[in-house]
Amino acid sequence: MMNFKSAFFVPTAVIAVFMLASHSHAAPNFVISGGYEDFFATILDVSKAPGKWQNEGATLQPDHVEATFVNKAGVKAVIVLKHPDSEGPNDGKTERFMLQVKAGGKPAKTLAKYLLARIKTHEDGFQWMAVKAKPATDTKPASALSIDSLPPRKLPEPNWDLGLQTAVDNYKKATEAIGDKETAAGLAAKLAKDSPMAAASVYRRIGEFDQAVAVLEKASGPKNQRLDQELALSYLMANKIAEAEKLIGPDICAKTDLFLRGLAEGRAADVQRIWQGIAGKTKELPRCAHFLQVKTAYALKDADAVEAAAQTALQQLGEDEDLLFLWGSFYFDDFFNRVSLGKATKPWGILARKNLHYPALLGAYGAAEEQSGQLDAARVDELFAAWEKDKSDIVSGYLAGMGMHYLGQFERSIPALLAAYREVPEEPRIGMYLAMAYYFSGQQEPAQKVLDEINHMAYNEPDIAYCRSTVWRYVDHEKSTAELALFLKYMDEPDRFCFEPGKMANAKRDYEALKKGETPKVRYPNDQAEVPNK
């Protein structure tokens, strides 16, 4: 038996969470998923190879396998198996592998020819997996949100069994053609042989659940947990509950986890229909079931159903932090609707008082308060008084400081914003409001210092780059230009949250002026008066 050393294996259940600003346009990487040890032991068996070679072992890396052999003359051969589209010289290719002789000279090259022939005989039992490419070097990871708190549109999508770039392209075309059922089905059929899991996903997305089942039941290659999960999901969506339970057992949360995938694939109405039959037979629903019900209503954009499901969950689970965040997120999605934003502040207000460090909360909560019109002068004074009375009331202090920004009370806002910044440094919007309060108060150096401290979060919060362009506008023309270019670059990526059109138009206009050597004026946010160029 061959000795395998797995330096890193992509687990079969691993998922790639596609965050708000995804790099879906980047070419994927191709990796080896788990469960292929026996396959590699078979194709690297050289017991009948000319030269009396022996296996010395193999190391499985994410994107290649490195195998070592020794022959009767003591020659040591090192041969690497990579994806066929890998760059660099090679000593032969098959449909699914490229071989490189790393050591061993001519004897090793002869052995490589033997391995190529052997691989061609067995390689139908293997498939590469396409995973999301690493982000650019100027990006930073976002705060880690719980899977439970993620809205349906951000639910995790697995890495697919797409072994070649042509398969990746066909899958992309298929998902873009979901509205054209015939075209999507045709592309799924092309994927079915070598990428059955990806093909099944396409079939599920167009509502062809029985076809998804058929593709996966015919899938060749080693059975593994991941394929079983995909088949179980297809059974569930086809309302074949008993068949699904043979693979995942009777646990209700195992089913809800898969139904969440159904939501991500755009089949919320089907999930709701099938789930009702399951939930109706369950006396007391566990936490996972409540979250599925809220997310199903969320995906259907049914506000009444969201309220009913969230209230029911609240009664059973109490003030569950993930539930409160998810609940508010539903209303926050309708960002330019002041009434909807006002509704978001209710569950988020509870959560902010409960845990002001909840990832991504405080900035979004403040935006909802301000954009819904709740931070008028009277409320700001009340919040500021509450903070002055109890300096540990960071939420009141932050909301007051934020409200003062739009009232033009910049210097007055600094103490409360500074306290919030020190307590919650991971929330970039606090730092931005503090920096701009310094700047609009004529304090250039403190403003720059704060923006430098939070600059590592600029990819996930592009407004930082916008603020940096503003603060450096009159003191460093080149830097101001570069920062505004960065802001526009980030905002041009797919799936970005969109600022109101006026701000984007102003940013583009100012950038064009900066490129010409001009210095566009900076204006105060409260009255649009020009900030003096001192």
Protein backbone atom coordinates (compact mmCIF):
# COMPACT_ATOMS: atom_id res chain seq x y z
CA MET A 1 0.00 0.00 0.00
CA MET A 2 1.39 3.37 -0.97
CA ASN A 3 2.34 5.74 1.83
CA PHE A 4 0.53 9.07 1.46
CA LYS A 5 1.47 12.28 3.23
CA SER A 6 -1.31 14.83 3.01
CA ALA A 7 0.19 18.26 3.56
CA PHE A 8 -3.19 19.76 2.86
CA PHE A 9 -6.46 18.31 1.68
CA VAL A 10 -9.53 20.25 0.69
CA PRO A 11 -12.21 18.60 2.85
CA THR A 12 -15.18 17.27 0.94
CA ALA A 13 -17.54 19.40 2.99
CA VAL A 14 -15.54 22.61 2.73
CA ILE A 15 -17.43 25.58 1.35
CA ALA A 16 -16.36 28.86 -0.15
CA VAL A 17 -18.33 31.75 1.24
CA PHE A 18 -18.74 34.36 -1.45
CA MET A 19 -18.74 37.69 0.37
CA LEU A 20 -20.46 40.87 -0.71
CA ALA A 21 -17.67 41.82 -3.09
CA SER A 22 -16.75 38.58 -4.74
CA HIS A 23 -13.98 37.99 -7.24
CA SER A 24 -16.23 35.93 -9.46
CA HIS A 25 -14.46 37.34 -12.51
CA ALA A 26 -11.12 35.82 -11.46
CA ALA A 27 -10.02 32.51 -12.92
CA PRO A 28 -10.50 29.67 -10.42
CA ASN A 29 -7.87 27.39 -8.97
CA PHE A 30 -8.16 23.63 -9.47
CA VAL A 31 -7.60 21.45 -6.41
CA ILE A 32 -7.76 17.83 -5.30
CA SER A 33 -10.68 17.10 -3.01
CA GLY A 34 -10.63 14.44 -0.34
CA GLY A 35 -11.27 10.74 -0.92
CA TYR A 36 -8.84 10.07 -3.76
CA GLU A 37 -6.11 8.22 -1.85
CA ASP A 38 -7.08 4.86 -3.36
CA PHE A 39 -7.24 6.36 -6.83
CA PHE A 40 -3.70 7.71 -6.61
CA ALA A 41 -2.46 4.47 -5.09
CA THR A 42 -3.81 2.71 -8.18
CA ILE A 43 -2.41 5.00 -10.86
CA LEU A 44 0.99 5.26 -9.12
CA ASP A 45 1.39 1.49 -8.81
CA VAL A 46 4.66 0.74 -10.63
CA SER A 47 5.05 -2.89 -9.59
CA LYS A 48 4.88 -3.96 -13.26
CA ALA A 49 6.86 -1.05 -14.70
CA PRO A 50 10.10 -1.78 -16.61
CA GLY A 51 13.17 -1.20 -14.45
CA LYS A 52 11.83 -2.77 -11.25
CA TRP A 53 10.66 0.41 -9.57
CA GLN A 54 9.28 0.67 -6.06
CA ASN A 55 6.97 3.30 -4.57
CA GLU A 56 8.61 5.36 -1.85
CA GLY A 57 5.50 7.40 -1.07
CA ALA A 58 3.53 10.38 -2.30
CA THR A 59 2.64 13.79 -0.92
CA LEU A 60 -0.79 15.19 -1.72
CA GLN A 61 -0.87 18.98 -1.95
CA PRO A 62 -3.91 21.15 -2.77
CA ASP A 63 -3.04 21.38 -6.46
CA HIS A 64 -0.65 18.51 -7.18
CA VAL A 65 0.71 15.13 -6.13
CA GLU A 66 4.44 14.51 -5.79
CA ALA A 67 5.46 10.84 -5.92
CA THR A 68 8.88 9.32 -5.25
CA PHE A 69 10.16 6.05 -6.73
CA VAL A 70 13.44 4.08 -6.54
CA ASN A 71 14.58 1.46 -9.07
CA LYS A 72 16.85 -1.57 -8.67
CA ALA A 73 19.92 0.53 -9.64
CA GLY A 74 19.21 2.98 -6.83
CA VAL A 75 18.00 5.77 -9.11
CA LYS A 76 15.53 8.04 -7.34
CA ALA A 77 12.74 9.47 -9.47
CA VAL A 78 10.42 12.28 -8.38
CA ILE A 79 7.36 12.81 -10.58
CA VAL A 80 4.72 15.50 -10.08
CA LEU A 81 1.09 15.23 -11.24
CA LYS A 82 -0.67 18.55 -11.88
CA HIS A 83 -3.77 19.95 -13.53
CA PRO A 84 -3.40 19.71 -17.33
CA ASP A 85 -3.69 23.49 -17.73
CA SER A 86 -0.81 24.18 -15.33
CA GLU A 87 1.96 26.43 -16.56
CA GLY A 88 5.53 25.31 -17.05
CA PRO A 89 7.36 22.49 -18.88
CA ASN A 90 5.91 19.01 -18.85
CA ASP A 91 6.85 15.44 -19.66
CA GLY A 92 3.48 14.44 -21.00
CA LYS A 93 -0.24 15.07 -20.57
CA THR A 94 -3.45 13.11 -20.36
CA GLU A 95 -6.98 14.48 -20.39
CA ARG A 96 -6.83 15.22 -16.65
CA PHE A 97 -3.16 15.37 -15.68
CA MET A 98 0.14 16.91 -16.61
CA LEU A 99 3.33 15.09 -15.53
CA GLN A 100 6.61 16.76 -14.65
CA VAL A 101 9.80 14.83 -13.93
CA LYS A 102 11.40 16.64 -11.03
CA ALA A 103 14.37 14.30 -10.53
CA GLY A 104 15.76 11.06 -11.92
CA GLY A 105 16.88 11.94 -15.42
CA LYS A 106 16.28 9.58 -18.34
CA PRO A 107 15.10 6.59 -16.23
CA ALA A 108 12.50 8.83 -14.61
CA LYS A 109 11.28 10.05 -18.00
CA THR A 110 10.84 6.43 -19.10
CA LEU A 111 8.86 5.77 -15.93
CA ALA A 112 6.74 8.86 -16.62
CA LYS A 113 5.70 7.36 -19.98
CA TYR A 114 4.58 4.20 -18.19
CA LEU A 115 2.59 6.29 -15.70
CA LEU A 116 0.96 8.29 -18.50
CA ALA A 117 -0.37 5.10 -20.05
CA ARG A 118 -1.59 3.88 -16.68
CA ILE A 119 -3.27 7.19 -15.87
CA LYS A 120 -5.16 7.21 -19.18
CA THR A 121 -6.68 3.86 -18.25
CA HIS A 122 -7.96 4.99 -14.85
CA GLU A 123 -8.43 8.77 -14.93
CA ASP A 124 -12.19 8.69 -15.52
CA GLY A 125 -12.42 7.99 -11.80
CA PHE A 126 -10.94 11.40 -10.94
CA GLN A 127 -12.09 14.98 -11.23
CA TRP A 128 -10.48 18.26 -10.19
CA MET A 129 -12.48 20.74 -8.18
CA ALA A 130 -12.65 24.43 -9.10
CA VAL A 131 -12.30 26.76 -6.13
CA LYS A 132 -12.51 30.51 -5.93
CA ALA A 133 -9.26 32.24 -6.77
CA LYS A 134 -7.49 34.07 -3.98
CA PRO A 135 -8.33 37.78 -3.81
CA ALA A 136 -5.89 40.43 -4.94
CA THR A 137 -3.09 41.39 -2.55
CA ASP A 138 -4.73 44.70 -1.70
CA THR A 139 -7.80 43.04 -0.21
CA LYS A 140 -8.51 42.14 3.39
CA PRO A 141 -10.98 39.60 4.78
CA ALA A 142 -14.32 40.82 6.01
CA SER A 143 -15.55 40.33 9.55
CA ALA A 144 -16.61 36.74 10.03
CA LEU A 145 -20.39 36.59 10.16
CA SER A 146 -22.13 33.48 11.42
CA ILE A 147 -23.61 31.36 8.64
CA ASP A 148 -26.91 31.58 10.51
CA SER A 149 -27.01 35.37 10.15
CA LEU A 150 -26.32 35.43 6.41
CA PRO A 151 -29.19 36.46 4.12
CA PRO A 152 -30.25 33.86 1.51
CA ARG A 153 -28.41 35.63 -1.32
CA LYS A 154 -25.14 35.32 0.60
CA LEU A 155 -25.53 31.71 1.65
CA PRO A 156 -22.44 29.63 0.90
CA GLU A 157 -22.03 27.94 -2.45
CA PRO A 158 -19.84 24.83 -2.60
CA ASN A 159 -16.80 24.39 -4.76
CA TRP A 160 -17.84 22.39 -7.79
CA ASP A 161 -16.39 19.38 -9.57
CA LEU A 162 -15.32 21.47 -12.54
CA GLY A 163 -12.08 19.96 -13.73
CA LEU A 164 -11.28 22.14 -16.74
CA GLN A 165 -11.74 25.77 -17.72
CA THR A 166 -14.27 24.73 -20.37
CA ALA A 167 -16.40 23.16 -17.63
CA VAL A 168 -16.07 26.32 -15.52
CA ASP A 169 -17.20 28.38 -18.51
CA ASN A 170 -20.17 26.09 -19.22
CA TYR A 171 -21.28 26.22 -15.60
CA LYS A 172 -21.08 30.01 -15.60
CA LYS A 173 -23.08 30.20 -18.84
CA ALA A 174 -25.66 27.81 -17.40
CA THR A 175 -26.19 29.79 -14.21
CA GLU A 176 -26.49 32.98 -16.25
CA ALA A 177 -29.10 31.31 -18.48
CA ILE A 178 -31.39 30.03 -15.72
CA GLY A 179 -34.25 32.10 -17.11
CA ASP A 180 -33.86 30.22 -20.40
CA LYS A 181 -34.63 26.71 -19.24
CA GLU A 182 -33.81 24.98 -22.52
CA THR A 183 -30.37 26.61 -22.81
CA ALA A 184 -29.51 25.93 -19.16
CA ALA A 185 -30.59 22.29 -19.47
CA GLY A 186 -28.44 21.86 -22.57
CA LEU A 187 -25.38 23.19 -20.77
CA ALA A 188 -26.14 20.98 -17.76
CA ALA A 189 -26.20 17.97 -20.07
CA LYS A 190 -22.70 18.88 -21.28
CA LEU A 191 -21.51 19.01 -17.67
CA ALA A 192 -23.17 15.79 -16.55
CA LYS A 193 -20.45 13.25 -17.41
CA ASP A 194 -17.39 14.88 -15.85
CA SER A 195 -19.05 17.38 -13.47
CA PRO A 196 -22.21 15.66 -12.20
CA MET A 197 -22.49 17.75 -9.03
CA ALA A 198 -22.31 21.02 -10.95
CA ALA A 199 -24.76 19.66 -13.53
CA ALA A 200 -27.19 18.64 -10.78
CA SER A 201 -27.04 22.15 -9.34
CA VAL A 202 -28.04 23.61 -12.71
CA TYR A 203 -30.90 21.14 -13.03
CA ARG A 204 -32.12 22.03 -9.53
CA ARG A 205 -31.95 25.74 -10.34
CA ILE A 206 -34.33 25.25 -13.27
CA GLY A 207 -36.65 23.02 -11.24
CA GLU A 208 -35.66 19.72 -12.86
CA PHE A 209 -35.15 17.88 -9.60
CA ASP A 210 -35.66 14.36 -10.95
CA GLN A 211 -33.03 15.04 -13.60
CA ALA A 212 -30.62 16.20 -10.89
CA VAL A 213 -31.23 12.93 -9.05
CA ALA A 214 -30.65 10.89 -12.21
CA VAL A 215 -27.32 12.58 -12.98
CA LEU A 216 -25.98 12.00 -9.48
CA GLU A 217 -27.19 8.42 -9.26
CA LYS A 218 -25.21 7.67 -12.42
CA ALA A 219 -22.09 9.50 -11.25
CA SER A 220 -18.92 7.45 -11.60
CA GLY A 221 -15.84 7.62 -9.43
CA PRO A 222 -15.38 7.14 -5.70
CA LYS A 223 -18.43 7.73 -3.57
CA ASN A 224 -17.81 10.42 -1.01
CA GLN A 225 -19.63 12.50 1.54
CA ARG A 226 -19.90 15.49 -0.76
CA LEU A 227 -21.57 13.56 -3.57
CA ASP A 228 -23.96 12.00 -1.06
CA GLN A 229 -24.86 15.48 0.20
CA GLU A 230 -25.61 16.67 -3.33
CA LEU A 231 -27.73 13.60 -3.99
CA ALA A 232 -29.57 14.03 -0.69
CA LEU A 233 -30.34 17.66 -1.57
CA SER A 234 -31.67 16.58 -4.94
CA TYR A 235 -33.87 13.95 -3.28
CA LEU A 236 -35.23 16.56 -0.86
CA MET A 237 -36.02 19.01 -3.63
CA ALA A 238 -37.75 16.18 -5.51
CA ASN A 239 -39.76 15.55 -2.31
CA LYS A 240 -38.23 12.09 -1.91
CA ILE A 241 -37.67 12.42 1.81
CA ALA A 242 -37.15 8.72 2.57
CA GLU A 243 -34.40 8.43 -0.05
CA ALA A 244 -32.67 11.51 1.34
CA GLU A 245 -32.79 10.12 4.87
CA LYS A 246 -30.96 6.99 3.73
CA LEU A 247 -27.99 9.27 3.04
CA ILE A 248 -28.21 11.90 5.80
CA GLY A 249 -30.34 10.26 8.46
CA PRO A 250 -33.55 11.56 10.06
CA ASP A 251 -32.03 14.60 11.79
CA ILE A 252 -34.09 17.67 10.94
CA CYS A 253 -31.10 20.02 10.99
CA ALA A 254 -29.35 17.91 8.36
CA LYS A 255 -32.35 18.62 6.17
CA THR A 256 -32.48 22.34 6.94
CA ASP A 257 -28.80 22.68 6.06
CA LEU A 258 -29.54 21.26 2.63
CA PHE A 259 -32.72 23.28 2.17
CA LEU A 260 -30.63 26.41 2.69
CA ARG A 261 -28.76 25.36 -0.43
CA GLY A 262 -32.11 25.18 -2.17
CA LEU A 263 -32.70 28.81 -1.22
CA ALA A 264 -29.27 29.78 -2.55
CA GLU A 265 -30.15 28.07 -5.82
CA GLY A 266 -33.27 30.22 -6.17
CA ARG A 267 -35.90 27.60 -5.32
CA ALA A 268 -37.46 29.25 -2.25
CA ALA A 269 -41.05 28.44 -3.25
CA ASP A 270 -40.17 24.75 -3.64
CA VAL A 271 -38.33 24.75 -0.32
CA GLN A 272 -41.35 26.31 1.38
CA ARG A 273 -43.74 23.76 -0.13
CA ILE A 274 -41.66 20.71 0.78
CA TRP A 275 -40.61 22.04 4.17
CA GLN A 276 -44.21 22.58 5.26
CA GLY A 277 -44.81 18.86 4.90
CA ILE A 278 -41.82 18.10 7.12
CA ALA A 279 -42.39 20.83 9.71
CA GLY A 280 -46.04 19.88 10.08
CA LYS A 281 -44.97 16.51 11.49
CA THR A 282 -42.56 18.01 14.03
CA LYS A 283 -43.86 18.94 17.49
CA GLU A 284 -41.13 21.37 18.54
CA LEU A 285 -38.86 22.91 15.97
CA PRO A 286 -35.14 23.25 16.75
CA ARG A 287 -33.18 26.46 16.20
CA CYS A 288 -32.05 25.43 12.71
CA ALA A 289 -35.66 25.07 11.60
CA HIS A 290 -36.60 28.56 12.78
CA PHE A 291 -33.72 30.03 10.81
CA LEU A 292 -34.78 28.14 7.69
CA GLN A 293 -38.30 29.52 8.02
CA VAL A 294 -37.07 33.11 8.40
CA LYS A 295 -34.67 32.74 5.47
CA THR A 296 -37.30 31.15 3.25
CA ALA A 297 -39.65 34.08 3.86
CA TYR A 298 -36.69 36.42 3.33
CA ALA A 299 -35.89 34.82 -0.04
CA LEU A 300 -39.55 35.12 -1.06
CA LYS A 301 -39.49 38.82 -0.03
CA ASP A 302 -42.57 38.21 2.08
CA ALA A 303 -42.41 40.81 4.87
CA ASP A 304 -45.44 39.45 6.73
CA ALA A 305 -43.98 35.94 6.71
CA VAL A 306 -40.60 37.25 7.88
CA GLU A 307 -42.26 39.03 10.80
CA ALA A 308 -44.31 35.96 11.73
CA ALA A 309 -41.35 33.57 11.52
CA ALA A 310 -39.03 35.94 13.39
CA GLN A 311 -41.55 36.57 16.17
CA THR A 312 -42.14 32.83 16.56
CA ALA A 313 -38.40 32.21 16.70
CA LEU A 314 -37.96 35.03 19.20
CA GLN A 315 -40.53 33.47 21.51
CA GLN A 316 -38.75 30.13 21.50
CA LEU A 317 -35.10 31.18 21.20
CA GLY A 318 -35.11 34.47 23.07
CA GLU A 319 -32.97 37.37 21.83
CA ASP A 320 -30.79 35.18 19.65
CA GLU A 321 -28.06 37.44 18.21
CA ASP A 322 -27.94 35.82 14.78
CA LEU A 323 -31.73 35.95 14.53
CA LEU A 324 -31.80 39.65 15.39
CA PHE A 325 -29.14 40.44 12.79
CA LEU A 326 -30.88 38.40 10.09
CA TRP A 327 -34.22 40.00 10.90
CA GLY A 328 -32.85 43.52 10.58
CA SER A 329 -30.97 42.61 7.40
CA PHE A 330 -34.25 41.85 5.63
CA TYR A 331 -35.39 45.44 6.02
CA PHE A 332 -31.93 46.92 5.48
CA ASP A 333 -31.87 45.33 2.02
CA ASP A 334 -34.45 47.92 0.97
CA PHE A 335 -31.93 50.64 1.77
CA PHE A 336 -33.57 53.54 -0.06
CA ASN A 337 -36.92 52.96 1.64
CA ARG A 338 -37.01 55.02 4.85
CA VAL A 339 -39.92 53.05 6.30
CA SER A 340 -38.12 49.76 5.76
CA LEU A 341 -34.91 51.12 7.29
CA GLY A 342 -36.88 52.24 10.33
CA LYS A 343 -38.05 48.65 10.79
CA ALA A 344 -34.44 47.42 10.60
CA THR A 345 -33.51 49.58 13.59
CA LYS A 346 -35.83 47.68 15.92
CA PRO A 347 -34.13 44.25 16.00
CA TRP A 348 -30.73 45.86 15.39
CA GLY A 349 -31.27 48.28 18.25
CA ILE A 350 -31.86 45.33 20.57
CA LEU A 351 -28.77 43.56 19.23
CA ALA A 352 -26.55 46.65 19.49
CA ARG A 353 -27.42 47.05 23.17
CA LYS A 354 -26.88 43.33 23.69
CA ASN A 355 -23.56 43.01 21.80
CA LEU A 356 -22.10 46.11 20.16
CA HIS A 357 -19.20 44.01 18.86
CA TYR A 358 -21.45 41.83 16.70
CA PRO A 359 -19.68 41.74 13.29
CA ALA A 360 -20.78 44.40 10.79
CA LEU A 361 -23.63 45.54 13.03
CA LEU A 362 -22.85 48.97 14.44
CA GLY A 363 -22.04 50.66 11.14
CA ALA A 364 -25.13 49.26 9.42
CA TYR A 365 -27.34 50.04 12.42
CA GLY A 366 -26.13 53.64 12.49
CA ALA A 367 -26.76 53.98 8.76
CA ALA A 368 -30.30 52.67 9.21
CA GLU A 369 -30.95 55.13 12.05
CA GLU A 370 -29.64 58.08 10.04
CA GLN A 371 -31.10 57.20 6.63
CA SER A 372 -34.53 56.51 8.14
CA GLY A 373 -34.57 60.07 9.49
CA GLN A 374 -34.48 59.17 13.17
CA LEU A 375 -31.37 61.18 14.07
CA ASP A 376 -32.91 64.63 14.17
CA ALA A 377 -31.54 67.37 16.43
CA ALA A 378 -33.79 66.51 19.38
CA ARG A 379 -32.93 62.80 19.33
CA VAL A 380 -29.23 63.54 18.89
CA ASP A 381 -29.30 65.74 21.98
CA GLU A 382 -31.07 62.97 23.93
CA LEU A 383 -28.52 60.38 22.85
CA PHE A 384 -25.61 62.67 23.63
CA ALA A 385 -27.02 63.38 27.09
CA ALA A 386 -27.38 59.64 27.69
CA TRP A 387 -23.74 59.11 26.74
CA GLU A 388 -22.53 61.98 28.93
CA LYS A 389 -24.44 60.47 31.85
CA ASP A 390 -23.03 56.98 31.22
CA LYS A 391 -19.80 56.94 29.22
CA SER A 392 -20.10 53.15 28.85
CA ASP A 393 -23.19 53.69 26.68
CA ILE A 394 -21.17 53.47 23.49
CA VAL A 395 -24.20 52.92 21.26
CA SER A 396 -25.83 56.21 22.30
CA GLY A 397 -22.51 58.01 21.94
CA TYR A 398 -21.90 56.66 18.45
CA LEU A 399 -25.41 57.47 17.22
CA ALA A 400 -25.14 60.96 18.70
CA GLY A 401 -21.75 61.56 17.09
CA MET A 402 -22.99 60.27 13.76
CA GLY A 403 -26.06 62.48 13.92
CA MET A 404 -23.91 65.51 14.71
CA HIS A 405 -21.94 64.87 11.53
CA TYR A 406 -25.02 65.58 9.44
CA LEU A 407 -26.00 68.51 11.66
CA GLY A 408 -22.61 70.12 11.13
CA GLN A 409 -21.59 69.79 14.80
CA PHE A 410 -18.21 68.30 14.00
CA GLU A 411 -16.08 69.35 16.94
CA ARG A 412 -18.85 68.55 19.42
CA SER A 413 -19.06 65.00 18.05
CA ILE A 414 -15.39 64.13 18.56
CA PRO A 415 -15.41 62.96 22.23
CA ALA A 416 -18.32 60.54 21.72
CA LEU A 417 -16.95 59.21 18.42
CA LEU A 418 -13.48 58.83 19.90
CA ALA A 419 -14.89 56.76 22.78
CA ALA A 420 -16.75 54.54 20.31
CA TYR A 421 -13.66 54.20 18.12
CA ARG A 422 -11.56 53.07 21.05
CA GLU A 423 -14.19 50.55 22.15
CA VAL A 424 -15.07 49.13 18.71
CA PRO A 425 -11.98 49.67 16.50
CA GLU A 426 -13.07 46.86 14.17
CA GLU A 427 -16.04 48.91 12.92
CA PRO A 428 -14.67 51.08 10.08
CA ARG A 429 -17.55 53.55 9.91
CA ILE A 430 -16.85 54.79 13.42
CA GLY A 431 -13.29 55.58 12.38
CA MET A 432 -14.51 57.32 9.23
CA TYR A 433 -16.91 59.58 11.11
CA LEU A 434 -14.21 60.39 13.66
CA ALA A 435 -11.65 61.16 10.95
CA MET A 436 -14.05 63.44 9.10
CA ALA A 437 -15.04 65.16 12.35
CA TYR A 438 -11.38 65.98 12.87
CA TYR A 439 -10.99 67.10 9.27
CA PHE A 440 -14.06 69.34 9.16
CA SER A 441 -12.91 70.84 12.47
CA GLY A 442 -9.63 71.82 10.83
CA GLN A 443 -7.54 69.07 12.49
CA GLN A 444 -5.66 67.57 9.54
CA GLU A 445 -3.11 65.35 11.29
CA PRO A 446 -5.54 63.51 13.61
CA ALA A 447 -7.82 62.90 10.62
CA GLN A 448 -4.99 61.36 8.61
CA LYS A 449 -3.87 59.26 11.58
CA VAL A 450 -7.29 57.65 12.04
CA LEU A 451 -7.68 56.98 8.32
CA ASP A 452 -4.25 55.33 8.25
CA GLU A 453 -5.29 53.13 11.19
CA ILE A 454 -8.41 51.85 9.44
CA ASN A 455 -7.01 51.70 5.91
CA HIS A 456 -6.56 47.91 6.09
CA MET A 457 -10.37 47.65 5.94
CA ALA A 458 -10.74 49.77 2.80
CA TYR A 459 -11.49 46.87 0.46
CA ASN A 460 -14.53 45.82 2.46
CA GLU A 461 -15.46 49.43 3.22
CA PRO A 462 -14.57 51.45 0.09
CA ASP A 463 -15.84 54.65 1.69
CA ILE A 464 -12.52 54.73 3.55
CA ALA A 465 -10.75 55.38 0.25
CA TYR A 466 -13.30 58.09 -0.54
CA CYS A 467 -12.63 59.76 2.82
CA ARG A 468 -8.88 59.49 2.29
CA SER A 469 -9.18 61.20 -1.08
CA THR A 470 -11.14 63.98 0.60
CA VAL A 471 -8.79 64.48 3.54
CA TRP A 472 -5.67 64.55 1.34
CA ARG A 473 -7.33 66.68 -1.37
CA TYR A 474 -5.65 69.97 -0.50
CA VAL A 475 -2.34 68.59 0.80
CA ASP A 476 -1.35 65.77 -1.56
CA HIS A 477 -2.85 65.85 -5.05
CA GLU A 478 -1.28 62.56 -6.15
CA LYS A 479 -2.49 60.68 -3.08
CA SER A 480 -5.98 62.14 -3.36
CA THR A 481 -6.16 61.01 -6.98
CA ALA A 482 -4.92 57.49 -6.19
CA GLU A 483 -7.40 57.03 -3.33
CA LEU A 484 -10.37 58.13 -5.43
CA ALA A 485 -9.23 55.77 -8.19
CA LEU A 486 -9.17 52.96 -5.63
CA PHE A 487 -12.67 53.84 -4.44
CA LEU A 488 -14.02 53.70 -7.99
CA LYS A 489 -12.15 50.46 -8.69
CA TYR A 490 -13.65 48.74 -5.66
CA MET A 491 -17.13 50.04 -6.39
CA ASP A 492 -16.93 48.73 -9.95
CA GLU A 493 -16.68 45.13 -8.75
CA PRO A 494 -19.68 42.79 -9.02
CA ASP A 495 -22.26 42.67 -6.22
CA ARG A 496 -21.08 45.80 -4.42
CA PHE A 497 -23.51 47.67 -2.22
CA CYS A 498 -24.34 50.77 -4.23
CA PHE A 499 -24.13 54.28 -2.83
CA GLU A 500 -26.77 56.75 -3.92
CA PRO A 501 -26.23 57.82 -7.55
CA GLY A 502 -25.36 61.42 -6.70
CA LYS A 503 -22.33 60.42 -4.66
CA MET A 504 -21.03 58.12 -7.38
CA ALA A 505 -21.51 60.81 -10.03
CA ASN A 506 -19.61 63.32 -7.89
CA ALA A 507 -16.78 60.83 -7.31
CA LYS A 508 -16.39 60.18 -11.04
CA ARG A 509 -16.51 63.90 -11.82
CA ASP A 510 -13.90 64.71 -9.15
CA TYR A 511 -11.65 61.90 -10.35
CA GLU A 512 -11.67 63.22 -13.90
CA ALA A 513 -10.80 66.69 -12.59
CA LEU A 514 -7.97 65.32 -10.44
CA LYS A 515 -6.49 63.48 -13.41
CA LYS A 516 -6.38 66.80 -15.27
CA GLY A 517 -4.40 68.38 -12.43
CA GLU A 518 -7.37 70.29 -11.05
CA THR A 519 -8.33 70.35 -7.35
CA PRO A 520 -12.07 69.81 -6.89
CA LYS A 521 -13.55 71.58 -3.90
CA VAL A 522 -14.42 69.68 -0.72
CA ARG A 523 -17.80 70.52 0.80
CA TYR A 524 -19.28 70.17 4.26
CA PRO A 525 -21.93 67.41 4.44
CA ASN A 526 -24.54 69.48 6.29
CA ASP A 527 -24.84 72.60 4.10
CA GLN A 528 -22.57 71.90 1.09
CA ALA A 529 -20.51 75.01 1.81
CA GLU A 530 -16.92 74.82 0.58
CA VAL A 531 -14.26 73.66 3.02
CA PRO A 532 -11.52 76.30 2.90
CA ASN A 533 -8.19 75.30 1.35
CA LYS A 534 -5.82 76.41 4.10
